[in-house]
Amino acid sequence: MRDAVIVDAVRTPIAKGKPNGAYHDVHPVDLHAHVLRALVERNPGLDPAEIDDVIGGAVGQVGEQSTNTTRLAVLAAGFPESVPGVTVDRQCGSSQQALSFAAQGVVAGAYDLVIASGVESMSRVPIGSSARVDGRRADVGGPAISRRYGGELIPQGISAELIARKWNLSRSQLDEFSATSHQRATEAWKHGYFDGQTTPLNDLATDETIRPGTTAEILAGLRTAFEDPRWEQRFGPLDWKVTAGNSSPVNDGSAALLITTSENARKHGWRPRARIHTATVVGDDPIYMLTGIIPATAKVLSRAGLTLGDIDAFEVNEAFASVVLAWQAETGADPAKVNVDGGAIAIGHPLGASGARLATTLLGVLERTGGRYGLQTMCEAGGTANATVIEKW
């Protein structure tokens, strides 16, 4: 039976997704192409002409990130014109879904060699751009959705507030979790854990949104980000707790993984880094929206024939601190095994690239600690979530 293995994974350092960010002057296509070229440069014997497909994720598929941006990145990377590319949208899980599609294609025999990747330039294509028409937010759900859910679908920040209320999470818990994310990411860079995982661009050598001096006390001084009485009219009293400090920032970045079979890897003289063991995706309540990682984790473990105790490291995307803390409360996962090198609150969340970034980080953690199984999961707009288990080679 064919398998799917990860030969290599690489990402850019993550930049601020603002006009003063390190990648603001880099076109999204070039940002994506940078990691595609890096995979070729890092893996002797990789002939781009052999690549059957490049599957890339991007959320803001409008403007400079439109028109099948992954195919354009393939061309910008200098790959032969015979190499195709396709762009997928699973919202924040787009590049994790790209990884799943790549693995499925390899196992099925549709591909022998494929790249799974992702990009987001939030400085040049601001969040929500694809949902705006003539400068105004479009009604992306329509009347049938409003009838089913008692009104329009809500912003993710309100979902994060609803989660904090439902799981009785305090502001101090959110801020303490977020400060820990910055501390862990700071230590990871200090000890060189990210050095082999990253390919610098525009002289950016580290993740730009990590704040080494961040403390829970500093974060406690930030104002809430989503407070609006109209949401309390719909959902009842909310003890507003979500701030910019306990949420992920806006970012620019890209990441890519090289996927093949173990047999093909041997033929090329490559040693696989991990096997893609099991991957799944679920749907969940689109109002709470970000809690899909809870059933996704249960489903992927069941399909993998594993228990939570079998997992040596977790990467749970830190869209908001409340999301990860609710997941920990429901799963009982050991916090010491979760985002051990920091998460998106510190490292950053370049939407379409984040799934591939999580996989890159998870590989590094397993290799450094000697763990066998790693699990990553990603909450996504609309109430879906991906979960993936990898097994270190």
Protein backbone atom coordinates (compact mmCIF):
# COMPACT_ATOMS: atom_id res chain seq x y z
CA MET A 1 0.00 0.00 0.00
CA ARG A 2 1.27 3.47 -0.86
CA ASP A 3 2.03 5.92 1.93
CA ALA A 4 2.49 9.68 2.06
CA VAL A 5 5.56 11.13 3.74
CA ILE A 6 6.88 14.60 4.41
CA VAL A 7 10.37 15.02 3.00
CA ASP A 8 10.83 18.64 4.00
CA ALA A 9 8.98 21.66 5.34
CA VAL A 10 9.97 25.31 5.31
CA ARG A 11 8.41 28.66 6.08
CA THR A 12 9.31 32.30 5.99
CA PRO A 13 9.74 34.17 9.22
CA ILE A 14 6.30 35.72 9.79
CA ALA A 15 6.00 39.48 9.28
CA LYS A 16 3.53 42.07 10.49
CA GLY A 17 0.61 42.27 8.11
CA LYS A 18 0.74 46.05 8.06
CA PRO A 19 2.29 48.76 5.87
CA ASN A 20 5.32 48.85 8.19
CA GLY A 21 5.78 45.07 8.01
CA ALA A 22 8.88 43.51 6.49
CA TYR A 23 7.00 42.00 3.53
CA HIS A 24 4.64 44.83 2.65
CA ASP A 25 6.62 45.54 -0.53
CA VAL A 26 6.61 41.85 -1.54
CA HIS A 27 3.85 40.78 -3.93
CA PRO A 28 1.91 37.77 -2.54
CA VAL A 29 2.90 35.68 -5.56
CA ASP A 30 6.59 36.35 -4.87
CA LEU A 31 6.09 35.68 -1.16
CA HIS A 32 4.65 32.27 -2.03
CA ALA A 33 7.28 31.57 -4.70
CA HIS A 34 10.04 32.14 -2.14
CA VAL A 35 9.22 28.98 -0.16
CA LEU A 36 8.69 26.93 -3.32
CA ARG A 37 12.20 27.79 -4.48
CA ALA A 38 13.53 27.08 -1.01
CA LEU A 39 12.24 23.50 -1.14
CA VAL A 40 14.19 22.92 -4.34
CA GLU A 41 17.33 24.52 -2.95
CA ARG A 42 17.15 22.52 0.29
CA ASN A 43 16.66 19.12 -1.37
CA PRO A 44 19.37 18.02 -3.80
CA GLY A 45 17.96 15.85 -6.54
CA LEU A 46 14.59 17.60 -6.58
CA ASP A 47 13.83 18.39 -10.19
CA PRO A 48 10.84 20.75 -10.32
CA ALA A 49 9.78 19.11 -13.59
CA GLU A 50 8.91 15.97 -11.58
CA ILE A 51 6.39 17.79 -9.39
CA ASP A 52 2.89 16.58 -10.25
CA ASP A 53 1.08 19.48 -8.62
CA VAL A 54 1.41 22.36 -6.18
CA ILE A 55 -1.62 22.71 -3.92
CA GLY A 56 -1.65 26.03 -2.11
CA GLY A 57 -3.96 27.70 0.37
CA ALA A 58 -4.97 31.36 0.44
CA VAL A 59 -7.91 32.99 2.20
CA GLY A 60 -8.05 36.44 0.62
CA GLN A 61 -8.48 35.28 -2.97
CA VAL A 62 -9.01 38.75 -4.39
CA GLY A 63 -6.81 41.39 -5.99
CA GLU A 64 -3.16 40.38 -5.88
CA GLN A 65 -4.04 36.99 -4.34
CA SER A 66 -6.65 36.09 -6.96
CA THR A 67 -6.66 34.22 -10.27
CA ASN A 68 -5.30 30.95 -8.87
CA THR A 69 -2.42 32.57 -7.01
CA THR A 70 -0.68 29.22 -6.47
CA ARG A 71 -0.26 28.61 -10.20
CA LEU A 72 1.23 32.09 -10.52
CA ALA A 73 3.63 31.33 -7.64
CA VAL A 74 4.75 28.18 -9.46
CA LEU A 75 5.67 30.29 -12.47
CA ALA A 76 7.26 33.01 -10.36
CA ALA A 77 9.41 30.36 -8.64
CA GLY A 78 10.89 29.47 -12.03
CA PHE A 79 9.36 25.99 -12.16
CA PRO A 80 8.73 24.53 -15.63
CA GLU A 81 5.46 25.64 -17.17
CA SER A 82 4.39 21.98 -17.16
CA VAL A 83 3.99 22.09 -13.35
CA PRO A 84 0.36 22.88 -12.44
CA GLY A 85 -0.91 24.65 -9.35
CA VAL A 86 -4.27 25.02 -7.63
CA THR A 87 -5.51 27.25 -4.83
CA VAL A 88 -7.88 25.98 -2.13
CA ASP A 89 -9.98 27.87 0.40
CA ARG A 90 -10.75 26.21 3.71
CA GLN A 91 -10.38 29.62 5.34
CA CYS A 92 -7.66 29.52 8.03
CA GLY A 93 -7.18 25.80 7.39
CA SER A 94 -6.47 26.25 3.69
CA SER A 95 -2.87 25.03 3.69
CA GLN A 96 -3.64 22.26 6.18
CA GLN A 97 -6.33 21.15 3.74
CA ALA A 98 -3.75 21.45 0.95
CA LEU A 99 -1.58 19.03 2.94
CA SER A 100 -4.50 16.61 3.28
CA PHE A 101 -5.28 16.79 -0.43
CA ALA A 102 -1.61 16.24 -1.27
CA ALA A 103 -1.36 13.19 0.98
CA GLN A 104 -4.61 11.74 -0.37
CA GLY A 105 -3.41 12.21 -3.94
CA VAL A 106 -0.11 10.49 -3.21
CA VAL A 107 -1.74 7.54 -1.41
CA ALA A 108 -4.29 7.16 -4.22
CA GLY A 109 -1.58 7.14 -6.86
CA ALA A 110 -2.72 10.37 -8.53
CA TYR A 111 0.57 12.01 -7.52
CA ASP A 112 4.10 10.77 -6.96
CA LEU A 113 5.55 14.11 -5.90
CA VAL A 114 3.54 17.12 -4.76
CA ILE A 115 3.98 20.33 -2.80
CA ALA A 116 1.44 21.51 -0.21
CA SER A 117 1.79 25.18 0.62
CA GLY A 118 0.07 28.39 1.57
CA VAL A 119 0.41 32.15 1.55
CA GLU A 120 -1.23 35.24 2.96
CA SER A 121 -0.24 38.86 2.52
CA MET A 122 -2.55 40.62 4.93
CA SER A 123 -0.70 43.90 4.49
CA ARG A 124 -1.57 43.98 0.78
CA VAL A 125 -4.85 42.03 0.85
CA PRO A 126 -6.44 43.01 4.19
CA ILE A 127 -8.55 40.51 6.07
CA GLY A 128 -12.13 40.54 4.81
CA SER A 129 -11.20 41.96 1.40
CA SER A 130 -12.85 39.12 -0.48
CA ALA A 131 -16.14 39.78 1.35
CA ARG A 132 -16.35 43.43 0.30
CA VAL A 133 -18.05 44.92 -2.74
CA ASP A 134 -17.57 48.61 -3.61
CA GLY A 135 -16.01 49.14 -0.21
CA ARG A 136 -18.94 47.68 1.72
CA ARG A 137 -19.23 44.28 3.38
CA ALA A 138 -21.25 41.86 1.28
CA ASP A 139 -23.99 39.66 2.68
CA VAL A 140 -21.99 36.48 2.19
CA GLY A 141 -24.54 34.25 3.92
CA GLY A 142 -27.79 35.38 2.38
CA PRO A 143 -31.33 35.22 3.75
CA ALA A 144 -31.49 31.43 4.18
CA ILE A 145 -28.50 31.50 6.54
CA SER A 146 -30.02 34.40 8.50
CA ARG A 147 -33.28 32.49 8.89
CA ARG A 148 -31.51 29.35 10.06
CA TYR A 149 -29.24 31.05 12.63
CA GLY A 150 -31.41 33.90 13.83
CA GLY A 151 -29.43 36.60 12.10
CA GLU A 152 -26.25 37.12 10.15
CA LEU A 153 -23.18 35.00 10.82
CA ILE A 154 -21.00 36.82 13.30
CA PRO A 155 -17.39 38.00 13.38
CA GLN A 156 -14.87 35.55 14.77
CA GLY A 157 -14.08 37.89 17.65
CA ILE A 158 -17.66 37.55 18.87
CA SER A 159 -17.36 33.77 18.58
CA ALA A 160 -14.22 34.01 20.74
CA GLU A 161 -16.22 35.98 23.32
CA LEU A 162 -19.04 33.43 23.28
CA ILE A 163 -16.48 30.64 23.81
CA ALA A 164 -14.91 32.48 26.74
CA ARG A 165 -18.36 32.83 28.32
CA LYS A 166 -19.44 29.23 27.71
CA TRP A 167 -16.22 27.77 29.14
CA ASN A 168 -16.10 30.33 31.96
CA LEU A 169 -12.67 31.58 30.98
CA SER A 170 -11.42 34.67 32.79
CA ARG A 171 -9.60 37.61 31.23
CA SER A 172 -6.55 36.71 33.31
CA GLN A 173 -6.55 33.15 31.92
CA LEU A 174 -6.64 34.50 28.36
CA ASP A 175 -3.82 36.95 29.03
CA GLU A 176 -1.66 34.44 30.89
CA PHE A 177 -2.00 31.96 28.02
CA SER A 178 -1.04 34.66 25.52
CA ALA A 179 1.99 35.80 27.50
CA THR A 180 3.16 32.17 27.62
CA SER A 181 2.89 31.98 23.83
CA HIS A 182 5.28 34.94 23.49
CA GLN A 183 7.66 33.50 26.09
CA ARG A 184 7.80 30.09 24.41
CA ALA A 185 8.33 31.56 20.94
CA THR A 186 11.06 33.83 22.29
CA GLU A 187 12.84 30.83 23.80
CA ALA A 188 12.46 28.82 20.59
CA TRP A 189 14.25 31.51 18.56
CA LYS A 190 16.83 32.00 21.32
CA HIS A 191 17.77 28.32 21.23
CA GLY A 192 17.79 28.11 17.43
CA TYR A 193 14.79 25.79 17.15
CA PHE A 194 13.35 27.70 14.18
CA ASP A 195 16.61 28.25 12.33
CA GLY A 196 16.39 25.16 10.14
CA GLN A 197 12.68 25.64 9.54
CA THR A 198 12.82 29.12 8.07
CA THR A 199 14.07 30.73 4.88
CA PRO A 200 14.72 34.45 5.45
CA LEU A 201 13.26 37.05 3.13
CA ASN A 202 13.88 40.81 2.98
CA ASP A 203 16.43 40.50 5.79
CA LEU A 204 13.75 39.38 8.25
CA ALA A 205 15.47 36.79 10.42
CA THR A 206 12.83 36.17 13.12
CA ASP A 207 9.07 36.35 13.49
CA GLU A 208 8.17 40.01 13.62
CA THR A 209 5.21 39.95 16.02
CA ILE A 210 6.88 38.12 18.91
CA ARG A 211 7.23 40.43 21.93
CA PRO A 212 9.88 39.00 24.27
CA GLY A 213 8.93 41.25 27.18
CA THR A 214 5.21 40.52 27.11
CA THR A 215 3.61 39.65 30.45
CA ALA A 216 0.07 38.96 31.54
CA GLU A 217 0.17 42.23 33.49
CA ILE A 218 0.99 44.20 30.34
CA LEU A 219 -1.73 42.44 28.38
CA ALA A 220 -4.24 43.18 31.13
CA GLY A 221 -3.94 46.87 30.26
CA LEU A 222 -5.25 46.46 26.71
CA ARG A 223 -8.81 47.43 25.85
CA THR A 224 -11.28 44.90 24.54
CA ALA A 225 -11.42 44.64 20.76
CA PHE A 226 -14.98 43.62 19.88
CA GLU A 227 -17.24 45.24 22.47
CA ASP A 228 -20.52 46.22 20.84
CA PRO A 229 -23.94 46.34 22.54
CA ARG A 230 -25.76 44.98 19.49
CA TRP A 231 -24.21 41.55 20.07
CA GLU A 232 -25.44 41.53 23.66
CA GLN A 233 -28.93 42.25 22.36
CA ARG A 234 -28.66 39.03 20.39
CA PHE A 235 -26.68 36.78 22.71
CA GLY A 236 -27.21 38.25 26.17
CA PRO A 237 -24.59 39.79 28.49
CA LEU A 238 -20.96 39.27 27.52
CA ASP A 239 -18.20 40.00 30.00
CA TRP A 240 -15.95 41.37 27.27
CA LYS A 241 -12.49 39.78 27.49
CA VAL A 242 -11.01 39.41 24.00
CA THR A 243 -8.30 41.93 23.12
CA ALA A 244 -5.67 42.31 20.44
CA GLY A 245 -3.23 40.86 22.96
CA ASN A 246 -5.05 37.56 23.46
CA SER A 247 -5.86 37.20 19.76
CA SER A 248 -3.63 36.39 16.82
CA PRO A 249 -2.26 39.41 14.93
CA VAL A 250 -2.54 40.09 11.19
CA ASN A 251 0.47 38.79 9.29
CA ASP A 252 2.28 38.12 6.03
CA GLY A 253 4.01 34.80 5.39
CA SER A 254 4.22 31.58 3.43
CA ALA A 255 5.09 27.93 4.04
CA ALA A 256 5.49 24.75 2.00
CA LEU A 257 5.95 20.99 2.43
CA LEU A 258 7.33 18.40 0.00
CA ILE A 259 5.18 15.24 -0.07
CA THR A 260 5.89 11.89 -1.77
CA THR A 261 5.88 8.16 -1.02
CA SER A 262 8.59 6.56 1.10
CA GLU A 263 9.58 4.48 -1.93
CA ASN A 264 9.98 7.54 -4.11
CA ALA A 265 11.92 9.26 -1.36
CA ARG A 266 14.40 6.36 -1.27
CA LYS A 267 14.85 6.54 -5.04
CA HIS A 268 15.81 10.22 -4.71
CA GLY A 269 18.09 9.63 -1.74
CA TRP A 270 15.85 11.55 0.65
CA ARG A 271 15.09 10.47 4.18
CA PRO A 272 11.43 11.09 5.07
CA ARG A 273 10.87 13.24 8.14
CA ALA A 274 7.37 12.00 8.97
CA ARG A 275 4.46 9.99 7.68
CA ILE A 276 1.08 11.64 7.30
CA HIS A 277 -0.79 9.17 9.44
CA THR A 278 -4.40 10.41 9.41
CA ALA A 279 -6.23 13.55 8.34
CA THR A 280 -9.82 14.62 8.76
CA VAL A 281 -12.13 17.61 8.59
CA VAL A 282 -15.41 18.34 10.40
CA GLY A 283 -18.22 20.85 10.42
CA ASP A 284 -19.51 22.47 13.61
CA ASP A 285 -21.75 25.29 14.84
CA PRO A 286 -21.01 28.34 12.66
CA ILE A 287 -21.96 30.74 15.46
CA TYR A 288 -19.43 29.36 17.95
CA MET A 289 -17.48 28.75 14.74
CA LEU A 290 -14.05 28.09 16.28
CA THR A 291 -14.93 25.06 18.42
CA GLY A 292 -14.72 22.58 15.54
CA ILE A 293 -11.24 21.64 16.72
CA ILE A 294 -12.84 19.71 19.58
CA PRO A 295 -14.80 17.18 17.47
CA ALA A 296 -12.04 17.25 14.84
CA THR A 297 -9.55 16.06 17.45
CA ALA A 298 -11.86 13.27 18.58
CA LYS A 299 -12.50 12.20 14.99
CA VAL A 300 -8.87 12.12 13.88
CA LEU A 301 -7.83 10.15 16.97
CA SER A 302 -10.63 7.64 16.38
CA ARG A 303 -9.69 7.20 12.74
CA ALA A 304 -6.02 6.89 13.63
CA GLY A 305 -6.71 4.27 16.30
CA LEU A 306 -4.90 6.42 18.86
CA THR A 307 -5.72 8.02 22.18
CA LEU A 308 -4.89 11.49 23.44
CA GLY A 309 -2.16 9.93 25.55
CA ASP A 310 -0.42 8.60 22.44
CA ILE A 311 0.19 12.13 21.16
CA ASP A 312 3.58 13.59 22.07
CA ALA A 313 3.05 17.13 20.76
CA PHE A 314 0.08 19.25 19.73
CA GLU A 315 -0.14 22.30 17.51
CA VAL A 316 -3.48 24.04 18.04
CA ASN A 317 -3.83 27.26 16.12
CA GLU A 318 -4.04 30.23 18.45
CA ALA A 319 -6.62 32.25 16.57
CA PHE A 320 -7.74 33.39 20.02
CA ALA A 321 -6.59 32.27 23.47
CA SER A 322 -10.16 31.27 24.36
CA VAL A 323 -10.23 28.74 21.51
CA VAL A 324 -7.21 26.78 22.69
CA LEU A 325 -8.20 26.96 26.37
CA ALA A 326 -11.68 25.61 25.57
CA TRP A 327 -10.09 22.81 23.51
CA GLN A 328 -7.77 21.96 26.42
CA ALA A 329 -10.69 21.91 28.84
CA GLU A 330 -12.69 19.54 26.64
CA THR A 331 -9.88 17.20 25.59
CA GLY A 332 -7.83 17.16 28.79
CA ALA A 333 -4.62 17.63 26.81
CA ASP A 334 -1.49 18.38 28.81
CA PRO A 335 -0.73 22.13 28.35
CA ALA A 336 2.98 21.30 28.45
CA LYS A 337 2.58 19.45 25.13
CA VAL A 338 0.53 22.17 23.41
CA ASN A 339 2.29 24.76 21.23
CA VAL A 340 5.55 24.17 23.04
CA ASP A 341 7.42 26.63 20.80
CA GLY A 342 4.70 29.25 21.02
CA GLY A 343 1.71 29.74 18.78
CA ALA A 344 -0.01 32.15 16.47
CA ILE A 345 -0.64 34.78 19.15
CA ALA A 346 3.12 35.35 19.14
CA ILE A 347 4.47 33.83 15.92
CA GLY A 348 1.62 35.16 13.81
CA HIS A 349 -1.29 33.92 11.74
CA PRO A 350 -0.86 34.51 7.99
CA LEU A 351 -4.20 32.88 7.30
CA GLY A 352 -3.65 30.75 4.19
CA ALA A 353 -0.14 29.76 5.28
CA SER A 354 -0.88 28.84 8.88
CA GLY A 355 -1.71 25.15 8.40
CA ALA A 356 1.60 24.57 6.64
CA ARG A 357 3.37 26.65 9.28
CA LEU A 358 1.88 24.51 12.06
CA ALA A 359 3.04 21.34 10.30
CA THR A 360 6.55 22.77 9.94
CA THR A 361 6.67 23.65 13.63
CA LEU A 362 5.22 20.29 14.68
CA LEU A 363 7.87 18.40 12.71
CA GLY A 364 10.57 20.36 14.46
CA VAL A 365 9.14 19.67 17.90
CA LEU A 366 8.86 15.91 17.30
CA GLU A 367 12.40 15.71 15.96
CA ARG A 368 13.85 17.71 18.83
CA THR A 369 12.00 15.89 21.60
CA GLY A 370 12.05 12.38 20.12
CA GLY A 371 8.26 12.17 20.10
CA ARG A 372 6.50 9.77 17.77
CA TYR A 373 3.05 11.22 17.12
CA GLY A 374 2.04 14.83 16.59
CA LEU A 375 -1.45 16.26 16.16
CA GLN A 376 -2.31 19.63 14.67
CA THR A 377 -5.75 21.16 14.46
CA MET A 378 -7.08 24.40 13.02
CA CYS A 379 -10.34 26.29 13.60
CA GLU A 380 -11.87 27.91 10.54
CA ALA A 381 -14.49 30.50 9.61
CA GLY A 382 -17.91 29.02 8.96
CA GLY A 383 -17.53 26.37 11.66
CA THR A 384 -15.18 23.83 10.08
CA ALA A 385 -11.92 22.43 11.42
CA ASN A 386 -9.07 20.26 10.15
CA ALA A 387 -7.10 17.80 12.25
CA THR A 388 -4.02 15.88 11.17
CA VAL A 389 -1.84 13.28 12.86
CA ILE A 390 1.74 12.83 11.70
CA GLU A 391 4.17 10.12 12.76
CA LYS A 392 7.87 10.91 12.98
CA TRP A 393 9.94 8.70 10.69
